[in-house]
Protein backbone atom coordinates (compact mmCIF):
# COMPACT_ATOMS: atom_id res chain seq x y z
CA MET A 1 12.03 -68.10 -24.96
CA LYS A 2 8.76 -65.89 -25.06
CA LYS A 3 8.01 -66.66 -21.50
CA THR A 4 11.07 -65.21 -20.42
CA ASN A 5 10.60 -62.28 -22.25
CA ILE A 6 7.12 -61.43 -21.01
CA LEU A 7 8.30 -62.29 -17.48
CA LYS A 8 11.42 -59.32 -18.30
CA SER A 9 9.01 -57.20 -19.67
CA LEU A 10 6.58 -56.92 -17.15
CA ALA A 11 9.37 -56.87 -14.39
CA LEU A 12 10.76 -53.81 -16.14
CA ALA A 13 6.83 -52.31 -16.08
CA LEU A 14 6.63 -52.70 -12.63
CA SER A 15 9.99 -51.72 -12.09
CA ILE A 16 9.14 -48.57 -14.39
CA SER A 17 5.80 -47.82 -12.08
CA LEU A 18 7.69 -48.39 -8.66
CA LEU A 19 10.30 -46.08 -9.23
CA ALA A 20 8.61 -43.10 -11.15
CA PRO A 21 7.46 -41.47 -8.24
CA LEU A 22 10.48 -41.32 -6.64
CA ALA A 23 12.04 -39.98 -9.83
CA ASN A 24 9.21 -37.09 -9.92
CA LYS A 25 10.22 -36.63 -6.04
CA VAL A 26 13.77 -35.69 -6.87
CA THR A 27 13.09 -33.24 -9.81
CA ALA A 28 10.54 -31.34 -7.43
CA GLU A 29 12.93 -31.08 -4.90
CA THR A 30 15.85 -30.23 -7.49
CA ASN A 31 13.55 -27.45 -8.63
CA ASN A 32 13.04 -26.20 -4.85
CA VAL A 33 15.26 -23.28 -4.44
CA PRO A 34 16.64 -23.02 -0.51
CA ALA A 35 15.21 -20.13 1.48
CA PRO A 36 18.10 -17.65 2.02
CA ASN A 37 19.01 -17.32 5.83
CA VAL A 38 19.33 -12.79 6.73
CA THR A 39 20.60 -11.32 9.85
CA GLY A 40 17.57 -9.25 9.49
CA GLN A 41 15.38 -9.25 12.52
CA SER A 42 12.71 -9.26 9.41
CA ALA A 43 12.34 -9.28 5.67
CA LEU A 44 10.61 -9.83 2.31
CA THR A 45 10.17 -10.37 -1.35
CA MET A 46 7.35 -8.64 -3.08
CA ASP A 47 6.16 -8.90 -6.98
CA LEU A 48 5.79 -5.48 -7.34
CA GLU A 49 3.01 -6.45 -10.16
CA THR A 50 1.47 -9.20 -8.55
CA GLY A 51 1.64 -8.03 -4.98
CA GLU A 52 2.64 -11.58 -4.20
CA VAL A 53 4.89 -12.19 -1.50
CA ILE A 54 7.88 -14.66 -2.59
CA TYR A 55 9.91 -14.76 0.65
CA SER A 56 9.52 -13.82 4.08
CA LYS A 57 10.80 -13.92 7.50
CA ASN A 58 8.81 -12.40 10.67
CA ALA A 59 7.28 -10.16 7.60
CA ASP A 60 4.14 -9.47 10.28
CA VAL A 61 6.20 -8.78 13.36
CA LYS A 62 6.62 -4.67 14.18
CA SER A 63 9.42 -2.89 14.02
CA SER A 64 10.78 0.09 13.71
CA LEU A 65 11.72 1.87 10.57
CA ALA A 66 14.03 4.42 10.94
CA SER A 67 14.43 6.32 7.42
CA THR A 68 12.53 3.88 4.86
CA THR A 69 9.73 6.31 6.50
CA LYS A 70 10.72 8.55 3.87
CA LEU A 71 8.96 6.59 1.10
CA LEU A 72 5.89 7.67 2.48
CA THR A 73 6.38 11.12 3.54
CA GLY A 74 7.61 11.71 -0.54
CA LEU A 75 5.06 10.04 -2.02
CA LEU A 76 2.38 12.63 0.06
CA PHE A 77 5.22 15.66 -0.67
CA ALA A 78 4.50 14.37 -4.94
CA GLU A 79 1.48 14.10 -4.44
CA SER A 80 0.51 17.32 -3.39
CA LYS A 81 3.20 19.46 -4.82
CA ALA A 82 5.01 20.23 -8.11
CA LYS A 83 8.68 20.04 -8.54
CA THR A 84 9.09 23.46 -9.73
CA ASP A 85 7.59 25.19 -6.47
CA LYS A 86 10.02 26.51 -4.17
CA ILE A 87 10.28 24.89 -0.75
CA PRO A 88 10.81 27.08 2.63
CA PHE A 89 13.62 26.32 5.25
CA THR A 90 11.38 26.19 8.35
CA ALA A 91 12.19 26.28 11.92
CA SER A 92 10.83 23.01 12.95
CA ALA A 93 13.18 21.76 10.24
CA ALA A 94 15.91 23.66 11.64
CA THR A 95 15.26 21.63 15.44
CA GLN A 96 16.07 18.29 13.56
CA ASP A 97 19.38 16.35 14.08
CA GLY A 98 20.60 12.47 13.37
CA GLY A 99 23.99 13.74 11.67
CA VAL A 100 22.00 13.66 8.50
CA ASN A 101 20.55 17.13 7.11
CA LEU A 102 21.23 19.90 4.55
CA ALA A 103 22.90 21.97 6.90
CA LYS A 104 25.60 19.48 6.99
CA TYR A 105 26.65 21.13 3.35
CA LYS A 106 25.36 24.72 4.30
CA LYS A 107 23.35 27.33 6.30
CA ILE A 108 20.30 27.41 5.68
CA ASN A 109 18.07 30.08 7.38
CA ILE A 110 15.28 30.23 7.77
CA GLY A 111 12.73 31.58 4.87
CA GLU A 112 15.25 30.91 2.35
CA THR A 113 13.79 28.36 -0.22
CA LEU A 114 14.67 25.30 -2.27
CA THR A 115 12.60 23.88 -5.14
CA ALA A 116 10.39 20.75 -4.33
CA ASP A 117 12.86 18.57 -6.84
CA ASP A 118 15.85 19.41 -5.18
CA VAL A 119 14.24 18.70 -1.48
CA MET A 120 12.45 15.51 -2.54
CA GLU A 121 16.26 14.34 -3.88
CA ALA A 122 17.73 15.44 -1.07
CA LEU A 123 15.02 13.58 0.92
CA LEU A 124 15.29 9.99 -0.90
CA ILE A 125 18.69 10.09 -1.76
CA TYR A 126 20.14 11.97 0.92
CA SER A 127 17.65 11.11 3.20
CA ALA A 128 18.11 14.61 4.69
CA ASN A 129 16.11 14.76 8.53
CA ASP A 130 15.20 18.45 7.83
CA THR A 131 13.66 18.23 4.56
CA ALA A 132 10.92 16.11 5.68
CA TYR A 133 10.45 18.65 8.47
CA MET A 134 10.41 20.90 5.50
CA ILE A 135 7.89 18.83 3.84
CA ALA A 136 5.48 18.61 6.75
CA ASP A 137 4.94 22.45 7.12
CA SER A 138 4.89 22.72 3.17
CA VAL A 139 2.26 20.34 2.52
CA SER A 140 0.29 20.47 5.92
CA GLY A 141 1.04 23.20 7.57
CA ASN A 142 2.70 22.05 10.42
CA VAL A 143 4.16 18.50 11.41
CA GLU A 144 1.40 17.14 13.21
CA SER A 145 -1.12 17.54 10.54
CA PHE A 146 1.44 16.08 8.27
CA VAL A 147 2.00 12.78 10.51
CA SER A 148 -2.15 12.39 10.96
CA LEU A 149 -1.82 12.41 6.84
CA MET A 150 0.54 9.94 6.63
CA ASN A 151 -1.30 7.44 8.99
CA GLU A 152 -4.86 8.03 7.12
CA ARG A 153 -2.76 7.20 4.05
CA VAL A 154 -1.85 3.76 5.83
CA LYS A 155 -5.51 2.83 6.75
CA GLU A 156 -6.82 3.70 3.23
CA LEU A 157 -3.74 1.10 1.99
CA GLY A 158 -5.48 -1.32 4.65
CA LEU A 159 -2.55 -1.31 6.78
CA LYS A 160 -2.84 -2.00 10.49
CA ASP A 161 0.35 -2.81 11.72
CA THR A 162 2.00 0.48 11.41
CA ASN A 163 1.85 3.54 13.02
CA PHE A 164 3.97 7.36 12.20
CA ILE A 165 4.84 10.20 14.78
CA ASN A 166 7.30 11.74 12.62
CA PRO A 167 7.94 12.70 8.97
CA ASN A 168 11.59 10.97 8.91
CA GLY A 169 11.71 8.46 11.27
CA LEU A 170 14.11 9.79 14.24
CA GLU A 171 13.75 7.77 17.06
CA SER A 172 13.40 9.51 20.77
CA LEU A 173 15.94 9.04 23.08
CA ASN A 174 15.49 9.60 26.35
CA PRO A 175 19.00 10.46 28.88
CA ASN A 176 20.05 6.80 29.21
CA LYS A 177 19.58 6.50 25.32
CA GLN A 178 16.79 4.32 25.53
CA VAL A 179 14.31 4.50 22.59
CA THR A 180 10.94 5.76 24.26
CA ASP A 181 9.60 6.33 20.97
CA ALA A 182 9.73 5.43 16.91
CA ASN A 183 7.69 5.23 13.88
CA TYR A 184 6.77 1.41 13.58
CA THR A 185 5.47 -0.84 11.15
CA THR A 186 5.70 -4.79 9.62
CA ALA A 187 8.30 -5.64 6.91
CA TYR A 188 5.06 -6.79 4.65
CA ASP A 189 3.35 -3.19 4.74
CA LEU A 190 6.51 -1.19 4.22
CA ALA A 191 6.39 -3.31 1.22
CA VAL A 192 3.13 -2.21 0.45
CA ILE A 193 4.16 1.30 1.15
CA ALA A 194 7.15 1.05 -1.58
CA LYS A 195 4.84 -0.60 -3.40
CA GLU A 196 2.39 2.24 -3.65
CA ALA A 197 5.12 4.89 -4.08
CA PHE A 198 7.07 3.29 -7.18
CA LYS A 199 3.78 3.88 -8.36
CA ASN A 200 4.32 7.51 -8.47
CA ASP A 201 6.26 8.73 -11.49
CA TRP A 202 8.25 11.57 -9.37
CA VAL A 203 9.46 9.27 -6.78
CA ARG A 204 10.41 6.77 -8.80
CA GLU A 205 12.71 8.61 -10.91
CA THR A 206 14.14 10.18 -7.74
CA LEU A 207 14.24 6.47 -6.02
CA ALA A 208 15.90 4.78 -9.04
CA PRO A 209 17.74 8.02 -11.23
CA LYS A 210 18.80 7.58 -15.10
CA THR A 211 22.08 9.09 -14.00
CA THR A 212 24.43 9.01 -10.96
CA PRO A 213 25.42 10.69 -8.62
CA ALA A 214 22.40 13.36 -7.78
CA SER A 215 22.94 17.55 -7.20
CA ILE A 216 20.79 19.79 -5.66
CA ASN A 217 21.07 23.51 -5.55
CA ILE A 218 21.00 24.75 -2.06
CA THR A 219 20.84 28.92 -1.88
CA GLY A 220 22.56 29.19 -5.11
CA SER A 221 25.10 26.44 -4.99
CA PRO A 222 25.34 23.07 -6.30
CA VAL A 223 25.65 20.34 -4.41
CA PRO A 224 26.65 16.56 -4.72
CA LEU A 225 24.34 14.53 -2.91
CA GLU A 226 25.49 11.12 -1.94
CA THR A 227 23.53 8.09 -1.91
CA ARG A 228 23.29 5.51 0.50
CA ASN A 229 22.37 2.69 -1.20
CA LYS A 230 25.49 0.10 -1.85
CA ASN A 231 23.56 -2.59 -4.44
CA LEU A 232 22.60 0.48 -6.72
CA GLY A 233 22.81 -1.24 -10.25
CA ILE A 234 24.39 -4.01 -8.85
CA ASP A 235 22.16 -7.54 -10.20
CA GLY A 236 19.31 -5.69 -11.59
CA ASN A 237 19.22 -2.91 -7.98
CA ILE A 238 17.72 0.22 -9.59
CA GLY A 239 16.81 1.56 -6.31
CA GLY A 240 16.38 2.03 -2.55
CA LYS A 241 16.04 3.67 0.30
CA THR A 242 18.05 3.38 3.87
CA GLY A 243 17.26 3.74 7.07
CA THR A 244 19.77 3.22 10.59
CA GLU A 245 18.26 3.93 14.10
CA GLU A 246 19.29 2.44 17.93
CA LEU A 247 15.07 0.55 17.76
CA ALA A 248 15.85 0.11 13.88
CA GLY A 249 19.14 -1.64 13.51
CA HIS A 250 19.90 -1.09 9.82
CA CYS A 251 17.27 -1.01 7.36
CA PHE A 252 17.12 -1.32 3.71
CA VAL A 253 13.83 -1.09 1.09
CA GLY A 254 15.23 -2.13 -3.05
CA TYR A 255 13.82 -2.00 -5.87
CA TYR A 256 14.91 -4.82 -8.20
CA GLU A 257 14.17 -5.35 -12.38
CA GLN A 258 15.03 -8.49 -14.31
CA ASP A 259 13.87 -9.26 -17.70
CA GLY A 260 10.98 -7.01 -17.30
CA ARG A 261 10.11 -8.36 -13.68
CA GLN A 262 10.01 -5.86 -10.90
CA LEU A 263 10.39 -7.10 -7.26
CA VAL A 264 10.45 -5.00 -3.52
CA THR A 265 12.63 -6.37 -1.38
CA VAL A 266 12.32 -5.06 2.47
CA VAL A 267 14.78 -5.88 5.21
CA LEU A 268 14.60 -5.12 8.83
CA GLY A 269 16.46 -4.99 11.95
CA SER A 270 19.64 -6.13 10.44
CA GLU A 271 23.04 -5.79 12.27
CA TYR A 272 24.96 -2.84 10.88
CA GLY A 273 28.54 -5.08 10.98
CA ALA A 274 31.82 -4.11 10.13
CA ASP A 275 31.39 -2.21 7.55
CA GLY A 276 27.42 -2.03 7.23
CA MET A 277 27.00 -4.02 4.53
CA ASN A 278 24.77 -6.77 6.24
CA VAL A 279 21.54 -4.93 5.13
CA PHE A 280 23.35 -5.05 1.63
CA HIS A 281 23.96 -8.98 1.76
CA ASP A 282 20.56 -9.70 3.28
CA THR A 283 18.80 -7.37 0.05
CA SER A 284 21.04 -9.21 -2.42
CA ALA A 285 20.30 -12.69 -1.31
CA ILE A 286 16.54 -12.01 -0.88
CA ALA A 287 16.35 -10.69 -4.31
CA LYS A 288 17.97 -13.05 -6.22
CA TYR A 289 15.75 -15.71 -4.02
CA GLY A 290 12.74 -13.72 -5.53
CA TYR A 291 13.99 -14.58 -9.19
CA ASP A 292 15.18 -17.93 -8.04
CA ALA A 293 11.86 -19.42 -6.36
CA GLN A 294 9.62 -21.30 -8.28
CA LYS A 295 5.72 -21.91 -6.82
CA GLU A 296 4.89 -24.95 -5.21
CA ILE A 297 1.74 -26.53 -4.96
CA TYR A 298 -0.78 -25.21 -2.33
CA LYS A 299 -3.87 -27.45 -3.31
CA LYS A 300 -4.20 -30.52 -5.47
CA SER A 301 -6.91 -31.14 -8.05
CA ASN A 302 -9.91 -32.83 -7.12
CA GLU A 303 -9.16 -32.07 -3.43
CA GLU A 304 -11.59 -30.62 -0.95
CA VAL A 305 -10.91 -27.21 0.09
CA GLY A 306 -13.78 -26.74 2.09
CA THR A 307 -17.71 -26.40 1.76
CA VAL A 308 -20.35 -24.26 0.75
CA ASP A 309 -24.52 -23.57 2.13
CA LEU A 310 -26.38 -22.93 -0.91
CA GLU A 311 -29.94 -22.55 -0.71
CA TYR A 312 -32.79 -23.68 -3.39
CA LYS A 313 -36.37 -24.32 -3.95
CA LEU A 314 -37.74 -27.80 -3.03
CA PHE A 315 -39.42 -27.87 -6.39
CA ARG A 316 -36.23 -26.20 -8.77
CA PHE A 317 -38.43 -23.01 -9.14
CA PHE A 318 -40.98 -22.98 -6.82
CA GLY A 319 -42.04 -24.21 -3.50
CA PRO A 320 -40.46 -23.68 0.32
CA SER A 321 -36.79 -22.59 0.66
CA LYS A 322 -34.35 -25.39 1.75
CA LYS A 323 -30.47 -25.27 2.36
CA ILE A 324 -27.92 -27.72 1.38
CA THR A 325 -23.59 -27.96 2.48
CA ALA A 326 -21.93 -28.82 -0.25
CA PRO A 327 -18.18 -29.53 -0.47
CA ILE A 328 -16.44 -27.55 -2.52
CA VAL A 329 -13.64 -29.53 -4.82
CA LEU A 330 -10.78 -27.73 -7.21
CA SER A 331 -10.44 -28.72 -10.87
CA GLN A 332 -7.14 -27.49 -10.84
CA ASP A 333 -3.86 -27.29 -9.06
CA VAL A 334 -3.23 -23.94 -7.13
CA ASN A 335 0.14 -22.96 -6.52
CA TYR A 336 1.61 -20.39 -4.31
CA TYR A 337 4.98 -19.07 -2.66
CA LYS A 338 5.54 -21.23 0.58
CA ASN A 339 6.54 -19.41 3.07
CA ASP A 340 5.78 -18.50 6.56
CA LEU A 341 3.00 -15.15 5.78
CA ASN A 342 1.48 -17.30 2.87
CA ASP A 343 0.86 -20.02 5.03
CA LYS A 344 -0.60 -18.20 7.28
CA THR A 345 -2.80 -16.70 5.17
CA ALA A 346 -4.36 -18.73 1.89
CA ASN A 347 -7.23 -18.99 1.72
CA ILE A 348 -9.54 -20.41 -1.18
CA SER A 349 -13.19 -19.24 -1.17
CA TYR A 350 -16.30 -19.50 -3.02
CA LYS A 351 -19.51 -16.88 -3.42
CA ALA A 352 -22.56 -18.41 -3.76
CA GLU A 353 -24.87 -15.19 -3.64
CA ASP A 354 -25.72 -15.90 -7.47
CA LYS A 355 -26.15 -19.65 -7.60
CA ASN A 356 -28.66 -21.83 -6.04
CA ALA A 357 -28.03 -25.46 -5.30
CA TRP A 358 -30.28 -26.56 -8.61
CA GLN A 359 -27.90 -24.25 -10.90
CA VAL A 360 -23.99 -26.38 -9.75
CA THR A 361 -25.63 -29.51 -9.78
CA GLY A 362 -23.69 -32.27 -11.92
CA GLY A 363 -20.13 -30.84 -12.10
CA THR A 364 -20.81 -27.60 -12.92
CA GLU A 365 -17.70 -25.40 -13.09
CA VAL A 366 -17.44 -22.40 -11.06
CA PRO A 367 -15.10 -19.46 -10.03
CA LEU A 368 -13.79 -19.84 -7.16
CA THR A 369 -11.22 -17.20 -5.59
CA PHE A 370 -8.09 -17.95 -4.30
CA THR A 371 -6.33 -15.13 -2.21
CA THR A 372 -2.38 -14.43 -0.08
CA ILE A 373 -2.11 -11.64 1.95
CA GLY A 374 -1.97 -9.00 -0.84
CA HIS A 375 -2.67 -11.36 -3.97
CA THR A 376 -6.10 -12.46 -5.33
CA GLU A 377 -6.85 -14.69 -8.17
CA GLU A 378 -9.44 -16.59 -9.69
CA VAL A 379 -8.95 -20.91 -9.88
CA LYS A 380 -11.40 -23.22 -10.83
CA GLY A 381 -13.49 -25.31 -8.83
CA THR A 382 -16.77 -27.69 -8.81
CA VAL A 383 -19.45 -27.41 -5.93
CA LYS A 384 -20.00 -31.49 -5.60
CA VAL A 385 -24.42 -31.50 -5.43
CA SER A 386 -26.22 -33.56 -7.35
CA ALA A 387 -30.21 -33.75 -8.58
CA SER A 388 -29.70 -36.87 -6.54
CA ASP A 389 -28.31 -35.23 -3.48
CA LEU A 390 -31.13 -32.79 -3.56
CA LEU A 391 -33.91 -35.53 -3.65
CA LYS A 392 -32.45 -37.51 -1.33
CA SER A 393 -31.71 -34.89 1.73
CA ASN A 394 -35.72 -34.13 0.53
CA LEU A 395 -37.31 -38.35 0.46
CA THR A 396 -39.19 -37.95 3.62
CA PHE A 397 -40.66 -34.91 2.35
CA TYR A 398 -41.21 -35.93 -1.34
CA LEU A 399 -42.84 -39.30 0.06
CA ALA A 400 -45.26 -37.31 2.04
CA ILE A 401 -45.67 -35.56 -1.26
CA LEU A 402 -46.02 -38.80 -3.23
CA LEU A 403 -48.65 -40.55 -0.67
CA ILE A 404 -50.73 -37.22 -0.30
CA ILE A 405 -50.79 -37.30 -4.08
CA VAL A 406 -51.82 -41.02 -3.89
CA ILE A 407 -54.83 -40.78 -1.03
CA ILE A 408 -56.09 -37.28 -3.31
CA THR A 409 -56.21 -39.46 -6.36
CA VAL A 410 -57.55 -42.45 -4.41
CA LEU A 411 -60.11 -40.44 -2.86
CA LEU A 412 -61.02 -38.99 -6.13
CA LEU A 413 -61.84 -42.35 -7.90
CA LEU A 414 -63.44 -43.72 -4.91
CA ILE A 415 -65.73 -40.74 -5.26
CA SER A 416 -66.37 -40.82 -8.87
CA ARG A 417 -67.05 -44.42 -8.50
CA ILE A 418 -69.41 -43.49 -5.86
CA ILE A 419 -70.90 -40.78 -8.06
CA ASN A 420 -71.25 -43.08 -11.06
CA MET A 421 -72.64 -46.04 -9.29
CA ARG A 422 -75.28 -43.63 -7.42
CA LYS A 423 -76.21 -42.59 -11.77
CA ARG A 424 -76.77 -45.85 -12.70
CA LYS A 425 -78.94 -46.52 -9.84
CA ARG A 426 -80.78 -43.99 -10.42
CA ASN A 427 -80.96 -45.03 -14.20
CA ARG A 428 -82.22 -48.46 -13.61
CA ASN A 429 -85.28 -46.61 -11.16
CA ARG A 430 -86.56 -45.35 -13.83
CA TYR A 431 -87.15 -48.14 -15.89
């Protein structure tokens, strides 16, 4: 009977050990949220606080960005002017078309002014193309200089795949309605610009208004502004900027907040669709994914993630300098949001400038740097090198030194013996 019970217990234990990995696998797969399919040519979701990319689709592919350009225009404007400043309507502003202008509401004569706050709201809420040129002339004296300022700021942000030729995002068309020139960016670059813009209080207050609809004053007359953000107030959307052009397609940058966590979403090159809602459906999908997605393991604890060249003195504190290549091993799991952009850029590194090989022997824990595009964090690891490794790698040298020491010792002993023998011989001769 006892034998039967023991066999049953062993069988049960074996079954559990075999099924446990399968159960863990099912749990991991259950926790994985499938990435959404979007109609936009490129898209991205980013955590506003950490800069981590949560969702990515072709986020490093260049694309026209239409009126989402105005996020940078608005940021530079906010950094140069005060809300109460008077901004004149200029000749260059009067040349702007595109169908979305303040002149649609009321005729404005060149030289007439609006407050900077009204100009900002017309730029970011209504997306008036002429206000972008008013801003350019007011901040830099002319549009060309302002565009140079835009491109300088992009370089300061470390963005290499973005270029501006105008402050409002309109595309230049030839007589055959083909795009000949346009601003361009990537979904990632635009998210960084949007993140930077949202740090500015004035821009943030305009993009994420406490009350709607907005209203501005044009030459003494109040004019309500129609927001083009169809997601405003839905599922945590607190603001955003639209853009639509021939080459760009339908674009949208959205800002979201849920339970204190803020995200920025970018969709470029979406199809307009029958009701113009495709880009907003795309945005809702990638925003929801941004809140639901969980990090996955990029590298596991005890996994080797590279090597490092370490210098050291042969006799620890003195002697000739030597080098050894040692493996870097993680002492923790490293997690990330799995997507195509993070997979391209994920890297774990160790800076060994202030360490020599002797200092990291014996499993000493060292800080490693884990980076994905736009995000850096410190993780723990060890450099797998021991004192015996250092000794083994120089064994021939140490044996040679030891042999020399032995030879010198033997020679000294021989010399000492010879001297002593001569002394004894002299002493005997005296007697």
